Amino acid sequence: MSEFIAFDLETTGMVPGVDQIVEVGAVRFIDGKPINHFASLVDPLRSIPAGASRVNGITDDMVKGKPTIDTLLNNFSDYCGDTPLVAHNANFDYQFLLSDYKKFEELTPTGIVFDTLPISRKTLPGLFNYKLATIAKHLNIETGVLHRADDDARYCGFVFHKLIVQIFGATATPNWERLIEISGRKKLMFPHITKQPKQLGLF
């Protein structure tokens, strides 16, 4: 049996710690089937640049009054637990989440984070490019709306399942350590973060 959680973020820009998360999507897969999901728009407490809205279709009106990221981090960690995580170009999403986990000093997910980008490059050589949509099409995965977190997480999960089936076989339990070796990347996990005592102001 294989179980993992595919996740994706939409943001106001490309720079963690400067730009903000505007949507979180995560889908739990068991044996290649989506079981449940965690999804929320996020109020970034700032205006979303027009360029970002053109990419993901998320506008200021859509996020107004939605939860802020500090109120979602613990729920996301509870949802993920120690289950392996996967994202496409995972370091991007990882760095955005890590920046906010550090900022708000919240407990992080404890599962290994896998990246379908290097795994697909090793497993599916010769593709025109390695965008998520290109890989999904090559693997005969039907895609609808892209650049929304919940949908992209779902497609990423289907891609990841097909990749691990191709590597380990349809009935084998994936060897996560071997998959790290195949990816050619170092093991990626969120660090444990401890709340620091707040210093009282001096008067």
Protein backbone atom coordinates (compact mmCIF):
# COMPACT_ATOMS: atom_id res chain seq x y z
CA MET A 1 0.00 0.00 0.00
CA SER A 2 1.21 3.51 -0.74
CA GLU A 3 -0.05 6.62 1.00
CA PHE A 4 1.08 10.16 0.38
CA ILE A 5 -0.24 13.72 0.29
CA ALA A 6 0.19 15.87 -2.81
CA PHE A 7 0.14 19.60 -2.15
CA ASP A 8 0.35 22.88 -4.01
CA LEU A 9 0.26 26.61 -3.29
CA GLU A 10 -0.77 29.69 -5.20
CA THR A 11 1.05 32.89 -4.26
CA THR A 12 1.21 36.62 -4.96
CA GLY A 13 4.69 36.25 -6.46
CA MET A 14 7.87 34.20 -6.55
CA VAL A 15 9.82 35.28 -3.44
CA PRO A 16 9.21 33.44 -0.13
CA GLY A 17 9.13 35.78 2.83
CA VAL A 18 8.23 38.70 0.59
CA ASP A 19 5.29 37.41 -1.43
CA GLN A 20 2.32 35.72 0.21
CA ILE A 21 0.36 32.48 -0.08
CA VAL A 22 -3.18 32.98 -1.44
CA GLU A 23 -4.29 29.34 -1.71
CA VAL A 24 -3.36 26.00 -0.17
CA GLY A 25 -4.41 22.68 -1.63
CA ALA A 26 -3.52 19.17 -0.47
CA VAL A 27 -4.94 15.78 -1.47
CA ARG A 28 -4.40 12.49 0.35
CA PHE A 29 -3.83 9.50 -1.94
CA ILE A 30 -4.00 5.84 -0.99
CA ASP A 31 -2.95 3.35 -3.67
CA GLY A 32 -3.31 6.01 -6.34
CA LYS A 33 -6.81 7.12 -5.37
CA PRO A 34 -7.65 10.53 -3.89
CA ILE A 35 -9.31 9.95 -0.52
CA ASN A 36 -9.84 13.41 0.95
CA HIS A 37 -8.43 16.89 0.68
CA PHE A 38 -7.44 20.05 2.52
CA ALA A 39 -8.11 23.25 0.58
CA SER A 40 -8.51 26.91 1.39
CA LEU A 41 -8.11 30.31 -0.15
CA VAL A 42 -5.90 32.54 2.01
CA ASP A 43 -6.26 36.24 2.69
CA PRO A 44 -2.75 37.67 2.16
CA LEU A 45 -3.76 40.94 3.82
CA ARG A 46 -2.48 42.80 0.77
CA SER A 47 -3.56 43.34 -2.81
CA ILE A 48 -2.83 40.51 -5.23
CA PRO A 49 -0.73 41.76 -8.18
CA ALA A 50 -2.46 41.66 -11.55
CA GLY A 51 0.22 39.36 -12.95
CA ALA A 52 -0.41 36.74 -10.27
CA SER A 53 -4.18 36.95 -10.81
CA ARG A 54 -3.70 36.38 -14.53
CA VAL A 55 -1.85 33.14 -13.76
CA ASN A 56 -4.06 31.64 -11.05
CA GLY A 57 -7.35 33.51 -11.51
CA ILE A 58 -7.46 34.45 -7.82
CA THR A 59 -8.59 38.01 -7.12
CA ASP A 60 -8.75 40.30 -4.10
CA ASP A 61 -12.51 39.78 -3.86
CA MET A 62 -12.07 36.00 -3.71
CA VAL A 63 -9.69 36.07 -0.74
CA LYS A 64 -11.28 38.89 1.24
CA GLY A 65 -12.40 37.52 4.61
CA LYS A 66 -10.80 34.10 4.05
CA PRO A 67 -8.48 32.64 6.72
CA THR A 68 -5.02 34.15 7.05
CA ILE A 69 -2.04 31.81 6.73
CA ASP A 70 -1.20 31.93 10.45
CA THR A 71 -4.59 30.38 11.23
CA LEU A 72 -4.12 27.57 8.68
CA LEU A 73 -0.61 26.31 9.41
CA ASN A 74 -1.51 24.11 12.39
CA ASN A 75 -4.48 22.63 10.54
CA PHE A 76 -2.28 21.87 7.55
CA SER A 77 0.31 20.18 9.78
CA ASP A 78 -2.41 18.15 11.51
CA TYR A 79 -3.74 17.04 8.13
CA CYS A 80 -0.30 16.01 6.87
CA GLY A 81 1.15 14.47 10.05
CA ASP A 82 4.06 12.19 9.16
CA THR A 83 2.66 11.15 5.77
CA PRO A 84 5.09 11.57 2.83
CA LEU A 85 4.44 14.79 0.91
CA VAL A 86 4.85 15.47 -2.80
CA ALA A 87 4.73 18.59 -4.95
CA HIS A 88 5.86 19.58 -8.43
CA ASN A 89 8.94 21.80 -8.19
CA ALA A 90 8.56 21.16 -4.49
CA ASN A 91 11.24 23.55 -3.23
CA PHE A 92 9.09 26.52 -4.29
CA ASP A 93 6.11 25.45 -2.17
CA TYR A 94 8.37 24.18 0.61
CA GLN A 95 10.19 27.51 0.96
CA PHE A 96 6.94 29.50 1.09
CA LEU A 97 5.52 27.28 3.81
CA LEU A 98 8.81 27.16 5.70
CA SER A 99 8.99 30.96 5.73
CA ASP A 100 5.55 31.19 7.32
CA TYR A 101 6.16 28.30 9.73
CA LYS A 102 9.25 30.10 10.98
CA LYS A 103 7.53 33.46 11.11
CA PHE A 104 4.62 32.20 13.20
CA GLU A 105 6.61 29.49 15.03
CA GLU A 106 4.12 26.70 14.33
CA LEU A 107 4.65 22.93 14.34
CA THR A 108 5.47 21.59 10.89
CA PRO A 109 4.54 18.40 9.00
CA THR A 110 7.05 15.61 9.66
CA GLY A 111 6.89 13.58 6.44
CA ILE A 112 9.55 13.45 3.71
CA VAL A 113 8.91 15.93 0.88
CA PHE A 114 9.26 14.49 -2.64
CA ASP A 115 9.48 16.42 -5.91
CA THR A 116 7.88 15.05 -9.08
CA LEU A 117 10.07 17.32 -11.22
CA PRO A 118 13.47 15.57 -10.79
CA ILE A 119 11.81 12.16 -10.48
CA SER A 120 10.01 12.61 -13.80
CA ARG A 121 13.20 13.86 -15.46
CA LYS A 122 14.98 10.67 -14.40
CA THR A 123 12.06 8.38 -15.13
CA LEU A 124 10.67 9.97 -18.32
CA PRO A 125 13.69 11.19 -20.30
CA GLY A 126 13.20 13.10 -23.55
CA LEU A 127 10.02 15.08 -22.85
CA PHE A 128 9.72 18.48 -24.53
CA ASN A 129 9.52 20.08 -21.07
CA TYR A 130 8.72 18.97 -17.56
CA LYS A 131 5.79 21.18 -16.70
CA LEU A 132 3.11 19.38 -14.70
CA ALA A 133 0.63 19.56 -17.59
CA THR A 134 3.18 18.09 -20.02
CA ILE A 135 3.99 15.17 -17.75
CA ALA A 136 0.32 14.51 -17.03
CA LYS A 137 -0.48 14.45 -20.75
CA HIS A 138 2.43 12.06 -21.41
CA LEU A 139 1.08 9.75 -18.69
CA ASN A 140 -2.48 9.96 -20.11
CA ILE A 141 -3.81 11.85 -17.10
CA GLU A 142 -6.71 14.12 -18.01
CA THR A 143 -6.32 17.63 -16.64
CA GLY A 144 -8.83 20.42 -16.33
CA VAL A 145 -8.11 23.69 -14.54
CA LEU A 146 -4.42 24.28 -13.83
CA HIS A 147 -2.84 26.88 -11.54
CA ARG A 148 -5.38 26.37 -8.77
CA ALA A 149 -3.87 24.72 -5.73
CA ASP A 150 -6.39 21.92 -5.13
CA ASP A 151 -6.50 20.88 -8.80
CA ASP A 152 -2.73 21.03 -9.27
CA ALA A 153 -2.22 18.98 -6.10
CA ARG A 154 -4.61 16.36 -7.45
CA TYR A 155 -2.85 16.15 -10.83
CA CYS A 156 0.52 16.03 -9.09
CA GLY A 157 -0.71 13.10 -7.00
CA PHE A 158 -1.83 11.16 -10.06
CA VAL A 159 1.54 11.83 -11.72
CA PHE A 160 3.46 10.75 -8.61
CA HIS A 161 1.48 7.53 -8.33
CA LYS A 162 2.16 6.63 -11.97
CA LEU A 163 5.86 7.38 -11.48
CA ILE A 164 6.18 5.15 -8.40
CA VAL A 165 4.25 2.37 -10.15
CA GLN A 166 6.65 2.63 -13.08
CA ILE A 167 9.63 2.50 -10.71
CA PHE A 168 8.50 -0.08 -8.15
CA GLY A 169 5.64 -1.94 -9.82
CA ALA A 170 1.89 -1.82 -9.32
CA THR A 171 1.74 -4.01 -6.22
CA ALA A 172 5.00 -3.12 -4.46
CA THR A 173 5.23 -0.78 -1.50
CA PRO A 174 7.41 2.18 -2.56
CA ASN A 175 10.88 2.37 -1.06
CA TRP A 176 11.01 6.03 -0.08
CA GLU A 177 14.75 6.07 0.55
CA ARG A 178 15.37 4.56 -2.88
CA LEU A 179 13.11 7.19 -4.40
CA ILE A 180 15.26 9.92 -2.84
CA GLU A 181 18.30 8.36 -4.50
CA ILE A 182 16.51 8.23 -7.85
CA SER A 183 15.56 11.90 -7.58
CA GLY A 184 19.19 12.89 -7.14
CA ARG A 185 18.20 15.33 -4.40
CA LYS A 186 18.94 15.41 -0.69
CA LYS A 187 16.21 14.29 1.68
CA LEU A 188 13.86 17.24 2.19
CA MET A 189 11.86 17.60 5.40
CA PHE A 190 10.47 20.50 7.37
CA PRO A 191 12.53 21.30 10.46
CA HIS A 192 11.07 21.08 13.92
CA ILE A 193 10.18 24.59 15.05
CA THR A 194 9.84 25.58 18.68
CA LYS A 195 8.03 28.66 19.88
CA GLN A 196 10.46 31.13 21.41
CA PRO A 197 9.59 33.00 24.63
CA LYS A 198 8.62 36.56 23.97
CA GLN A 199 10.70 39.23 25.62
CA LEU A 200 8.80 41.76 27.67
CA GLY A 201 9.27 45.34 26.65
CA LEU A 202 11.43 47.52 28.84
CA PHE A 203 9.95 50.80 30.07
